[in-house]
Amino acid sequence: MSEIMQIIIAICLLIVVYMLTRELSAWRMKRAYIRIINDLKKKEALDEASALAIPYARDSIFRVGVRDFRPKALQFLVASGIVGVTEAGKYYLKNKDVGVLKSE
């Protein structure tokens, strides 16, 4: 096999690996959204009076292991208006139209 062919195959392989890692990250972020929403619904945090302090609301610098997508997912849900946050830093489900979701 010529060098040019080997380079083309290597570049194609790198593109496939890049696309797969992007899909994996998107899938894990989607699971984090679903877990947060289901967690708030299960604990019945549906208004400011029943808001909960969520332990994974902030990134931990001492966490060892795989990346935790929940803090970023929670920030996105707050920014998009699905989850609300009280002045005390507690979270509640603001948009009640979101049904119980299943992670895939």
PDB file of N, CA and C in Angstrom:
ATOM      1  N   MET A   1       0.847  -1.168   0.000  1.00  0.00           N
ATOM      2  CA  MET A   1       0.000   0.000   0.000  1.00  0.00           C
ATOM      3  C   MET A   1       0.899   1.240   0.000  1.00  0.00           C
ATOM      4  N   SER A   2       0.541   2.210  -0.815  1.00  0.00           N
ATOM      5  CA  SER A   2       1.372   3.407  -0.931  1.00  0.00           C
ATOM      6  C   SER A   2       1.217   4.308   0.292  1.00  0.00           C
ATOM      7  N   GLU A   3       2.157   5.221   0.445  1.00  0.00           N
ATOM      8  CA  GLU A   3       2.127   6.135   1.581  1.00  0.00           C
ATOM      9  C   GLU A   3       0.918   7.059   1.523  1.00  0.00           C
ATOM     10  N   ILE A   4       0.560   7.485   0.344  1.00  0.00           N
ATOM     11  CA  ILE A   4      -0.590   8.383   0.187  1.00  0.00           C
ATOM     12  C   ILE A   4      -1.865   7.682   0.637  1.00  0.00           C
ATOM     13  N   MET A   5      -2.005   6.433   0.290  1.00  0.00           N
ATOM     14  CA  MET A   5      -3.183   5.664   0.692  1.00  0.00           C
ATOM     15  C   MET A   5      -3.216   5.481   2.207  1.00  0.00           C
ATOM     16  N   GLN A   6      -2.078   5.230   2.823  1.00  0.00           N
ATOM     17  CA  GLN A   6      -2.011   5.093   4.267  1.00  0.00           C
ATOM     18  C   GLN A   6      -2.383   6.396   4.964  1.00  0.00           C
ATOM     19  N   ILE A   7      -1.943   7.515   4.429  1.00  0.00           N
ATOM     20  CA  ILE A   7      -2.283   8.825   5.000  1.00  0.00           C
ATOM     21  C   ILE A   7      -3.773   9.090   4.879  1.00  0.00           C
ATOM     22  N   ILE A   8      -4.358   8.770   3.738  1.00  0.00           N
ATOM     23  CA  ILE A   8      -5.795   8.976   3.536  1.00  0.00           C
ATOM     24  C   ILE A   8      -6.604   8.106   4.502  1.00  0.00           C
ATOM     25  N   ILE A   9      -6.203   6.871   4.676  1.00  0.00           N
ATOM     26  CA  ILE A   9      -6.896   5.974   5.616  1.00  0.00           C
ATOM     27  C   ILE A   9      -6.756   6.487   7.049  1.00  0.00           C
ATOM     28  N   ALA A  10      -5.574   6.961   7.410  1.00  0.00           N
ATOM     29  CA  ALA A  10      -5.358   7.492   8.759  1.00  0.00           C
ATOM     30  C   ALA A  10      -6.214   8.728   9.007  1.00  0.00           C
ATOM     31  N   ILE A  11      -6.305   9.605   8.030  1.00  0.00           N
ATOM     32  CA  ILE A  11      -7.137  10.814   8.166  1.00  0.00           C
ATOM     33  C   ILE A  11      -8.610  10.434   8.283  1.00  0.00           C
ATOM     34  N   CYS A  12      -9.057   9.503   7.472  1.00  0.00           N
ATOM     35  CA  CYS A  12     -10.452   9.048   7.564  1.00  0.00           C
ATOM     36  C   CYS A  12     -10.734   8.423   8.926  1.00  0.00           C
ATOM     37  N   LEU A  13      -9.801   7.646   9.434  1.00  0.00           N
ATOM     38  CA  LEU A  13      -9.949   7.029  10.747  1.00  0.00           C
ATOM     39  C   LEU A  13     -10.021   8.096  11.848  1.00  0.00           C
ATOM     40  N   LEU A  14      -9.207   9.118  11.759  1.00  0.00           N
ATOM     41  CA  LEU A  14      -9.245  10.206  12.731  1.00  0.00           C
ATOM     42  C   LEU A  14     -10.578  10.951  12.689  1.00  0.00           C
ATOM     43  N   ILE A  15     -11.120  11.160  11.501  1.00  0.00           N
ATOM     44  CA  ILE A  15     -12.418  11.824  11.359  1.00  0.00           C
ATOM     45  C   ILE A  15     -13.516  10.986  11.997  1.00  0.00           C
ATOM     46  N   VAL A  16     -13.485   9.689  11.781  1.00  0.00           N
ATOM     47  CA  VAL A  16     -14.494   8.790  12.370  1.00  0.00           C
ATOM     48  C   VAL A  16     -14.386   8.795  13.892  1.00  0.00           C
ATOM     49  N   VAL A  17     -13.187   8.742  14.421  1.00  0.00           N
ATOM     50  CA  VAL A  17     -12.995   8.763  15.877  1.00  0.00           C
ATOM     51  C   VAL A  17     -13.493  10.083  16.448  1.00  0.00           C
ATOM     52  N   TYR A  18     -13.210  11.189  15.788  1.00  0.00           N
ATOM     53  CA  TYR A  18     -13.688  12.500  16.237  1.00  0.00           C
ATOM     54  C   TYR A  18     -15.214  12.547  16.271  1.00  0.00           C
ATOM     55  N   MET A  19     -15.843  12.062  15.219  1.00  0.00           N
ATOM     56  CA  MET A  19     -17.315  12.077  15.155  1.00  0.00           C
ATOM     57  C   MET A  19     -17.912  11.181  16.244  1.00  0.00           C
ATOM     58  N   LEU A  20     -17.322  10.037  16.491  1.00  0.00           N
ATOM     59  CA  LEU A  20     -17.823   9.141  17.532  1.00  0.00           C
ATOM     60  C   LEU A  20     -17.691   9.758  18.924  1.00  0.00           C
ATOM     61  N   THR A  21     -16.598  10.446  19.194  1.00  0.00           N
ATOM     62  CA  THR A  21     -16.453  11.084  20.503  1.00  0.00           C
ATOM     63  C   THR A  21     -17.445  12.221  20.679  1.00  0.00           C
ATOM     64  N   ARG A  22     -17.752  12.941  19.622  1.00  0.00           N
ATOM     65  CA  ARG A  22     -18.766  14.004  19.699  1.00  0.00           C
ATOM     66  C   ARG A  22     -20.149  13.412  19.970  1.00  0.00           C
ATOM     67  N   GLU A  23     -20.467  12.312  19.325  1.00  0.00           N
ATOM     68  CA  GLU A  23     -21.752  11.645  19.557  1.00  0.00           C
ATOM     69  C   GLU A  23     -21.845  11.118  20.983  1.00  0.00           C
ATOM     70  N   LEU A  24     -20.766  10.565  21.491  1.00  0.00           N
ATOM     71  CA  LEU A  24     -20.748  10.056  22.858  1.00  0.00           C
ATOM     72  C   LEU A  24     -20.947  11.189  23.866  1.00  0.00           C
ATOM     73  N   SER A  25     -20.297  12.307  23.643  1.00  0.00           N
ATOM     74  CA  SER A  25     -20.475  13.455  24.538  1.00  0.00           C
ATOM     75  C   SER A  25     -21.901  13.976  24.495  1.00  0.00           C
ATOM     76  N   ALA A  26     -22.492  14.054  23.308  1.00  0.00           N
ATOM     77  CA  ALA A  26     -23.876  14.510  23.181  1.00  0.00           C
ATOM     78  C   ALA A  26     -24.829  13.543  23.877  1.00  0.00           C
ATOM     79  N   TRP A  27     -24.588  12.255  23.753  1.00  0.00           N
ATOM     80  CA  TRP A  27     -25.435  11.253  24.404  1.00  0.00           C
ATOM     81  C   TRP A  27     -25.341  11.367  25.926  1.00  0.00           C
ATOM     82  N   ARG A  28     -24.124  11.554  26.439  1.00  0.00           N
ATOM     83  CA  ARG A  28     -23.954  11.691  27.885  1.00  0.00           C
ATOM     84  C   ARG A  28     -24.582  12.978  28.406  1.00  0.00           C
ATOM     85  N   MET A  29     -24.536  14.063  27.635  1.00  0.00           N
ATOM     86  CA  MET A  29     -25.166  15.315  28.039  1.00  0.00           C
ATOM     87  C   MET A  29     -26.682  15.162  28.060  1.00  0.00           C
ATOM     88  N   LYS A  30     -27.224  14.461  27.090  1.00  0.00           N
ATOM     89  CA  LYS A  30     -28.670  14.213  27.057  1.00  0.00           C
ATOM     90  C   LYS A  30     -29.097  13.400  28.275  1.00  0.00           C
ATOM     91  N   ARG A  31     -28.322  12.399  28.624  1.00  0.00           N
ATOM     92  CA  ARG A  31     -28.629  11.606  29.823  1.00  0.00           C
ATOM     93  C   ARG A  31     -28.577  12.460  31.082  1.00  0.00           C
ATOM     94  N   ALA A  32     -27.666  13.415  31.142  1.00  0.00           N
ATOM     95  CA  ALA A  32     -27.569  14.307  32.298  1.00  0.00           C
ATOM     96  C   ALA A  32     -28.815  15.183  32.393  1.00  0.00           C
ATOM     97  N   TYR A  33     -29.314  15.705  31.256  1.00  0.00           N
ATOM     98  CA  TYR A  33     -30.553  16.496  31.252  1.00  0.00           C
ATOM     99  C   TYR A  33     -31.707  15.664  31.808  1.00  0.00           C
ATOM    100  N   ILE A  34     -31.824  14.457  31.304  1.00  0.00           N
ATOM    101  CA  ILE A  34     -32.932  13.585  31.701  1.00  0.00           C
ATOM    102  C   ILE A  34     -32.845  13.244  33.177  1.00  0.00           C
ATOM    103  N   ARG A  35     -31.649  12.955  33.669  1.00  0.00           N
ATOM    104  CA  ARG A  35     -31.495  12.619  35.088  1.00  0.00           C
ATOM    105  C   ARG A  35     -31.863  13.787  35.994  1.00  0.00           C
ATOM    106  N   ILE A  36     -31.468  14.982  35.626  1.00  0.00           N
ATOM    107  CA  ILE A  36     -31.783  16.154  36.451  1.00  0.00           C
ATOM    108  C   ILE A  36     -33.279  16.390  36.497  1.00  0.00           C
ATOM    109  N   ILE A  37     -33.928  16.352  35.346  1.00  0.00           N
ATOM    110  CA  ILE A  37     -35.378  16.588  35.286  1.00  0.00           C
ATOM    111  C   ILE A  37     -36.120  15.506  36.054  1.00  0.00           C
ATOM    112  N   ASN A  38     -35.742  14.254  35.848  1.00  0.00           N
ATOM    113  CA  ASN A  38     -36.409  13.158  36.573  1.00  0.00           C
ATOM    114  C   ASN A  38     -36.156  13.240  38.071  1.00  0.00           C
ATOM    115  N   ASP A  39     -34.956  13.660  38.454  1.00  0.00           N
ATOM    116  CA  ASP A  39     -34.632  13.799  39.874  1.00  0.00           C
ATOM    117  C   ASP A  39     -35.509  14.873  40.525  1.00  0.00           C
ATOM    118  N   LEU A  40     -35.676  15.996  39.861  1.00  0.00           N
ATOM    119  CA  LEU A  40     -36.515  17.067  40.403  1.00  0.00           C
ATOM    120  C   LEU A  40     -37.985  16.656  40.450  1.00  0.00           C
ATOM    121  N   LYS A  41     -38.448  15.919  39.433  1.00  0.00           N
ATOM    122  CA  LYS A  41     -39.846  15.464  39.441  1.00  0.00           C
ATOM    123  C   LYS A  41     -40.076  14.415  40.521  1.00  0.00           C
ATOM    124  N   LYS A  42     -39.117  13.508  40.690  1.00  0.00           N
ATOM    125  CA  LYS A  42     -39.259  12.440  41.682  1.00  0.00           C
ATOM    126  C   LYS A  42     -39.289  13.013  43.100  1.00  0.00           C
ATOM    127  N   LYS A  43     -38.484  14.033  43.339  1.00  0.00           N
ATOM    128  CA  LYS A  43     -38.442  14.655  44.662  1.00  0.00           C
ATOM    129  C   LYS A  43     -39.472  15.776  44.812  1.00  0.00           C
ATOM    130  N   GLU A  44     -40.312  15.944  43.786  1.00  0.00           N
ATOM    131  CA  GLU A  44     -41.421  16.898  43.771  1.00  0.00           C
ATOM    132  C   GLU A  44     -40.972  18.323  44.046  1.00  0.00           C
ATOM    133  N   ALA A  45     -39.888  18.729  43.433  1.00  0.00           N
ATOM    134  CA  ALA A  45     -39.424  20.107  43.505  1.00  0.00           C
ATOM    135  C   ALA A  45     -40.021  20.858  42.316  1.00  0.00           C
ATOM    136  N   LEU A  46     -41.293  21.243  42.442  1.00  0.00           N
ATOM    137  CA  LEU A  46     -42.027  21.814  41.326  1.00  0.00           C
ATOM    138  C   LEU A  46     -42.294  23.308  41.469  1.00  0.00           C
ATOM    139  N   ASP A  47     -41.908  23.910  42.598  1.00  0.00           N
ATOM    140  CA  ASP A  47     -42.055  25.351  42.768  1.00  0.00           C
ATOM    141  C   ASP A  47     -40.990  25.837  43.753  1.00  0.00           C
ATOM    142  N   GLU A  48     -40.953  27.149  43.972  1.00  0.00           N
ATOM    143  CA  GLU A  48     -39.910  27.712  44.831  1.00  0.00           C
ATOM    144  C   GLU A  48     -40.003  27.207  46.270  1.00  0.00           C
ATOM    145  N   ALA A  49     -41.203  26.926  46.731  1.00  0.00           N
ATOM    146  CA  ALA A  49     -41.382  26.469  48.112  1.00  0.00           C
ATOM    147  C   ALA A  49     -40.809  25.067  48.328  1.00  0.00           C
ATOM    148  N   SER A  50     -40.825  24.246  47.299  1.00  0.00           N
ATOM    149  CA  SER A  50     -40.324  22.878  47.436  1.00  0.00           C
ATOM    150  C   SER A  50     -38.969  22.677  46.749  1.00  0.00           C
ATOM    151  N   ALA A  51     -38.249  23.760  46.502  1.00  0.00           N
ATOM    152  CA  ALA A  51     -36.954  23.692  45.814  1.00  0.00           C
ATOM    153  C   ALA A  51     -35.943  22.910  46.647  1.00  0.00           C
ATOM    154  N   LEU A  52     -35.012  22.290  45.951  1.00  0.00           N
ATOM    155  CA  LEU A  52     -34.002  21.427  46.584  1.00  0.00           C
ATOM    156  C   LEU A  52     -32.592  21.949  46.347  1.00  0.00           C
ATOM    157  N   ALA A  53     -31.735  21.701  47.308  1.00  0.00           N
ATOM    158  CA  ALA A  53     -30.304  21.933  47.104  1.00  0.00           C
ATOM    159  C   ALA A  53     -29.745  20.698  46.416  1.00  0.00           C
ATOM    160  N   ILE A  54     -29.158  20.885  45.269  1.00  0.00           N
ATOM    161  CA  ILE A  54     -28.640  19.767  44.480  1.00  0.00           C
ATOM    162  C   ILE A  54     -27.132  19.675  44.700  1.00  0.00           C
ATOM    163  N   PRO A  55     -26.632  18.512  45.126  1.00  0.00           N
ATOM    164  CA  PRO A  55     -25.199  18.402  45.440  1.00  0.00           C
ATOM    165  C   PRO A  55     -24.284  18.509  44.221  1.00  0.00           C
ATOM    166  N   TYR A  56     -24.770  18.200  43.050  1.00  0.00           N
ATOM    167  CA  TYR A  56     -23.929  18.248  41.856  1.00  0.00           C
ATOM    168  C   TYR A  56     -24.091  19.559  41.089  1.00  0.00           C
ATOM    169  N   ALA A  57     -24.552  20.610  41.756  1.00  0.00           N
ATOM    170  CA  ALA A  57     -24.758  21.892  41.089  1.00  0.00           C
ATOM    171  C   ALA A  57     -23.440  22.564  40.716  1.00  0.00           C
ATOM    172  N   ARG A  58     -22.376  22.275  41.446  1.00  0.00           N
ATOM    173  CA  ARG A  58     -21.084  22.886  41.161  1.00  0.00           C
ATOM    174  C   ARG A  58     -20.065  21.819  40.776  1.00  0.00           C
ATOM    175  N   ASP A  59     -19.104  22.256  39.972  1.00  0.00           N
ATOM    176  CA  ASP A  59     -17.997  21.361  39.621  1.00  0.00           C
ATOM    177  C   ASP A  59     -17.115  21.145  40.843  1.00  0.00           C
ATOM    178  N   SER A  60     -16.658  19.942  41.014  1.00  0.00           N
ATOM    179  CA  SER A  60     -15.740  19.622  42.097  1.00  0.00           C
ATOM    180  C   SER A  60     -14.351  19.409  41.510  1.00  0.00           C
ATOM    181  N   ILE A  61     -13.367  20.102  42.057  1.00  0.00           N
ATOM    182  CA  ILE A  61     -12.017  19.952  41.517  1.00  0.00           C
ATOM    183  C   ILE A  61     -11.352  18.671  42.008  1.00  0.00           C
ATOM    184  N   PHE A  62     -11.904  18.068  43.050  1.00  0.00           N
ATOM    185  CA  PHE A  62     -11.308  16.850  43.603  1.00  0.00           C
ATOM    186  C   PHE A  62     -11.965  15.575  43.092  1.00  0.00           C
ATOM    187  N   ARG A  63     -12.901  15.683  42.170  1.00  0.00           N
ATOM    188  CA  ARG A  63     -13.575  14.505  41.647  1.00  0.00           C
ATOM    189  C   ARG A  63     -12.613  13.716  40.772  1.00  0.00           C
ATOM    190  N   VAL A  64     -12.510  12.438  41.051  1.00  0.00           N
ATOM    191  CA  VAL A  64     -11.635  11.563  40.284  1.00  0.00           C
ATOM    192  C   VAL A  64     -12.510  10.609  39.490  1.00  0.00           C
ATOM    193  N   GLY A  65     -12.178  10.408  38.244  1.00  0.00           N
ATOM    194  CA  GLY A  65     -12.936   9.483  37.409  1.00  0.00           C
ATOM    195  C   GLY A  65     -13.389  10.152  36.124  1.00  0.00           C
ATOM    196  N   VAL A  66     -14.484   9.657  35.582  1.00  0.00           N
ATOM    197  CA  VAL A  66     -14.977  10.188  34.320  1.00  0.00           C
ATOM    198  C   VAL A  66     -15.624  11.551  34.530  1.00  0.00           C
ATOM    199  N   ARG A  67     -15.759  12.283  33.465  1.00  0.00           N
ATOM    200  CA  ARG A  67     -16.306  13.637  33.513  1.00  0.00           C
ATOM    201  C   ARG A  67     -17.776  13.608  33.909  1.00  0.00           C
ATOM    202  N   ASP A  68     -18.154  14.544  34.794  1.00  0.00           N
ATOM    203  CA  ASP A  68     -19.535  14.670  35.234  1.00  0.00           C
ATOM    204  C   ASP A  68     -20.198  15.790  34.422  1.00  0.00           C
ATOM    205  N   PHE A  69     -21.211  15.449  33.639  1.00  0.00           N
ATOM    206  CA  PHE A  69     -21.882  16.409  32.779  1.00  0.00           C
ATOM    207  C   PHE A  69     -23.021  17.142  33.487  1.00  0.00           C
ATOM    208  N   ARG A  70     -23.385  16.721  34.687  1.00  0.00           N
ATOM    209  CA  ARG A  70     -24.548  17.288  35.363  1.00  0.00           C
ATOM    210  C   ARG A  70     -24.434  18.772  35.676  1.00  0.00           C
ATOM    211  N   PRO A  71     -23.291  19.308  36.143  1.00  0.00           N
ATOM    212  CA  PRO A  71     -23.242  20.749  36.402  1.00  0.00           C
ATOM    213  C   PRO A  71     -23.483  21.600  35.148  1.00  0.00           C
ATOM    214  N   LYS A  72     -22.895  21.223  34.023  1.00  0.00           N
ATOM    215  CA  LYS A  72     -23.106  21.964  32.776  1.00  0.00           C
ATOM    216  C   LYS A  72     -24.533  21.791  32.271  1.00  0.00           C
ATOM    217  N   ALA A  73     -25.084  20.611  32.419  1.00  0.00           N
ATOM    218  CA  ALA A  73     -26.464  20.375  32.005  1.00  0.00           C
ATOM    219  C   ALA A  73     -27.421  21.203  32.852  1.00  0.00           C
ATOM    220  N   LEU A  74     -27.147  21.292  34.146  1.00  0.00           N
ATOM    221  CA  LEU A  74     -27.981  22.092  35.036  1.00  0.00           C
ATOM    222  C   LEU A  74     -27.903  23.567  34.666  1.00  0.00           C
ATOM    223  N   GLN A  75     -26.718  24.056  34.326  1.00  0.00           N
ATOM    224  CA  GLN A  75     -26.580  25.443  33.885  1.00  0.00           C
ATOM    225  C   GLN A  75     -27.400  25.701  32.628  1.00  0.00           C
ATOM    226  N   PHE A  76     -27.377  24.764  31.692  1.00  0.00           N
ATOM    227  CA  PHE A  76     -28.151  24.922  30.467  1.00  0.00           C
ATOM    228  C   PHE A  76     -29.650  24.908  30.757  1.00  0.00           C
ATOM    229  N   LEU A  77     -30.107  24.008  31.628  1.00  0.00           N
ATOM    230  CA  LEU A  77     -31.528  23.930  31.955  1.00  0.00           C
ATOM    231  C   LEU A  77     -32.004  25.202  32.651  1.00  0.00           C
ATOM    232  N   VAL A  78     -31.170  25.796  33.488  1.00  0.00           N
ATOM    233  CA  VAL A  78     -31.527  27.062  34.139  1.00  0.00           C
ATOM    234  C   VAL A  78     -31.587  28.177  33.104  1.00  0.00           C
ATOM    235  N   ALA A  79     -30.602  28.229  32.216  1.00  0.00           N
ATOM    236  CA  ALA A  79     -30.556  29.274  31.190  1.00  0.00           C
ATOM    237  C   ALA A  79     -31.722  29.171  30.205  1.00  0.00           C
ATOM    238  N   SER A  80     -32.188  27.957  29.954  1.00  0.00           N
ATOM    239  CA  SER A  80     -33.279  27.777  28.996  1.00  0.00           C
ATOM    240  C   SER A  80     -34.651  27.889  29.645  1.00  0.00           C
ATOM    241  N   GLY A  81     -34.709  28.064  30.965  1.00  0.00           N
ATOM    242  CA  GLY A  81     -35.986  28.291  31.630  1.00  0.00           C
ATOM    243  C   GLY A  81     -36.735  27.034  32.024  1.00  0.00           C
ATOM    244  N   ILE A  82     -36.123  25.889  31.930  1.00  0.00           N
ATOM    245  CA  ILE A  82     -36.776  24.639  32.318  1.00  0.00           C
ATOM    246  C   ILE A  82     -36.658  24.431  33.821  1.00  0.00           C
ATOM    247  N   VAL A  83     -35.512  24.786  34.371  1.00  0.00           N
ATOM    248  CA  VAL A  83     -35.266  24.668  35.804  1.00  0.00           C
ATOM    249  C   VAL A  83     -35.070  26.078  36.357  1.00  0.00           C
ATOM    250  N   GLY A  84     -35.662  26.326  37.517  1.00  0.00           N
ATOM    251  CA  GLY A  84     -35.506  27.610  38.176  1.00  0.00           C
ATOM    252  C   GLY A  84     -34.598  27.484  39.375  1.00  0.00           C
ATOM    253  N   VAL A  85     -34.022  28.613  39.783  1.00  0.00           N
ATOM    254  CA  VAL A  85     -33.141  28.630  40.946  1.00  0.00           C
ATOM    255  C   VAL A  85     -33.610  29.749  41.880  1.00  0.00           C
ATOM    256  N   THR A  86     -33.648  29.439  43.169  1.00  0.00           N
ATOM    257  CA  THR A  86     -34.076  30.426  44.158  1.00  0.00           C
ATOM    258  C   THR A  86     -32.876  31.270  44.587  1.00  0.00           C
ATOM    259  N   GLU A  87     -33.152  32.291  45.394  1.00  0.00           N
ATOM    260  CA  GLU A  87     -32.070  33.137  45.891  1.00  0.00           C
ATOM    261  C   GLU A  87     -31.146  32.366  46.826  1.00  0.00           C
ATOM    262  N   ALA A  88     -31.661  31.338  47.465  1.00  0.00           N
ATOM    263  CA  ALA A  88     -30.861  30.518  48.377  1.00  0.00           C
ATOM    264  C   ALA A  88     -30.013  29.476  47.634  1.00  0.00           C
ATOM    265  N   GLY A  89     -30.119  29.418  46.318  1.00  0.00           N
ATOM    266  CA  GLY A  89     -29.331  28.465  45.543  1.00  0.00           C
ATOM    267  C   GLY A  89     -29.963  27.099  45.418  1.00  0.00           C
ATOM    268  N   LYS A  90     -31.266  27.010  45.627  1.00  0.00           N
ATOM    269  CA  LYS A  90     -31.974  25.738  45.489  1.00  0.00           C
ATOM    270  C   LYS A  90     -32.651  25.696  44.124  1.00  0.00           C
ATOM    271  N   TYR A  91     -32.869  24.485  43.622  1.00  0.00           N
ATOM    272  CA  TYR A  91     -33.378  24.293  42.266  1.00  0.00           C
ATOM    273  C   TYR A  91     -34.756  23.646  42.292  1.00  0.00           C
ATOM    274  N   TYR A  92     -35.582  24.023  41.302  1.00  0.00           N
ATOM    275  CA  TYR A  92     -36.914  23.453  41.154  1.00  0.00           C
ATOM    276  C   TYR A  92     -37.254  23.392  39.677  1.00  0.00           C
ATOM    277  N   LEU A  93     -38.189  22.524  39.337  1.00  0.00           N
ATOM    278  CA  LEU A  93     -38.625  22.364  37.956  1.00  0.00           C
ATOM    279  C   LEU A  93     -39.610  23.471  37.631  1.00  0.00           C
ATOM    280  N   LYS A  94     -39.208  24.368  36.762  1.00  0.00           N
ATOM    281  CA  LYS A  94     -39.997  25.545  36.427  1.00  0.00           C
ATOM    282  C   LYS A  94     -41.033  25.228  35.346  1.00  0.00           C
ATOM    283  N   ASN A  95     -40.648  24.444  34.384  1.00  0.00           N
ATOM    284  CA  ASN A  95     -41.513  24.089  33.269  1.00  0.00           C
ATOM    285  C   ASN A  95     -42.167  22.748  33.572  1.00  0.00           C
ATOM    286  N   LYS A  96     -43.415  22.785  33.972  1.00  0.00           N
ATOM    287  CA  LYS A  96     -44.113  21.552  34.352  1.00  0.00           C
ATOM    288  C   LYS A  96     -44.574  20.724  33.154  1.00  0.00           C
ATOM    289  N   ASP A  97     -44.429  21.256  31.951  1.00  0.00           N
ATOM    290  CA  ASP A  97     -44.845  20.533  30.747  1.00  0.00           C
ATOM    291  C   ASP A  97     -43.867  19.420  30.378  1.00  0.00           C
ATOM    292  N   VAL A  98     -42.690  19.456  30.977  1.00  0.00           N
ATOM    293  CA  VAL A  98     -41.694  18.429  30.690  1.00  0.00           C
ATOM    294  C   VAL A  98     -42.135  17.159  31.383  1.00  0.00           C
ATOM    295  N   GLY A  99     -42.388  16.115  30.621  1.00  0.00           N
ATOM    296  CA  GLY A  99     -42.849  14.857  31.171  1.00  0.00           C
ATOM    297  C   GLY A  99     -41.716  14.039  31.744  1.00  0.00           C
ATOM    298  N   VAL A 100     -42.056  12.894  32.292  1.00  0.00           N
ATOM    299  CA  VAL A 100     -41.022  11.979  32.787  1.00  0.00           C
ATOM    300  C   VAL A 100     -40.316  11.396  31.582  1.00  0.00           C
ATOM    301  N   LEU A 101     -39.027  11.569  31.544  1.00  0.00           N
ATOM    302  CA  LEU A 101     -38.242  11.133  30.407  1.00  0.00           C
ATOM    303  C   LEU A 101     -37.493   9.858  30.752  1.00  0.00           C
ATOM    304  N   LYS A 102     -37.185   9.102  29.737  1.00  0.00           N
ATOM    305  CA  LYS A 102     -36.430   7.871  29.929  1.00  0.00           C
ATOM    306  C   LYS A 102     -35.072   8.039  29.283  1.00  0.00           C
ATOM    307  N   SER A 103     -34.046   7.624  29.969  1.00  0.00           N
ATOM    308  CA  SER A 103     -32.717   7.665  29.378  1.00  0.00           C
ATOM    309  C   SER A 103     -32.559   6.438  28.495  1.00  0.00           C
ATOM    310  N   GLU A 104     -31.858   6.647  27.416  1.00  0.00           N
ATOM    311  CA  GLU A 104     -31.699   5.576  26.432  1.00  0.00           C
ATOM    312  C   GLU A 104     -30.413   4.850  26.634  1.00  0.00           C
TER     313      GLU A 104
END
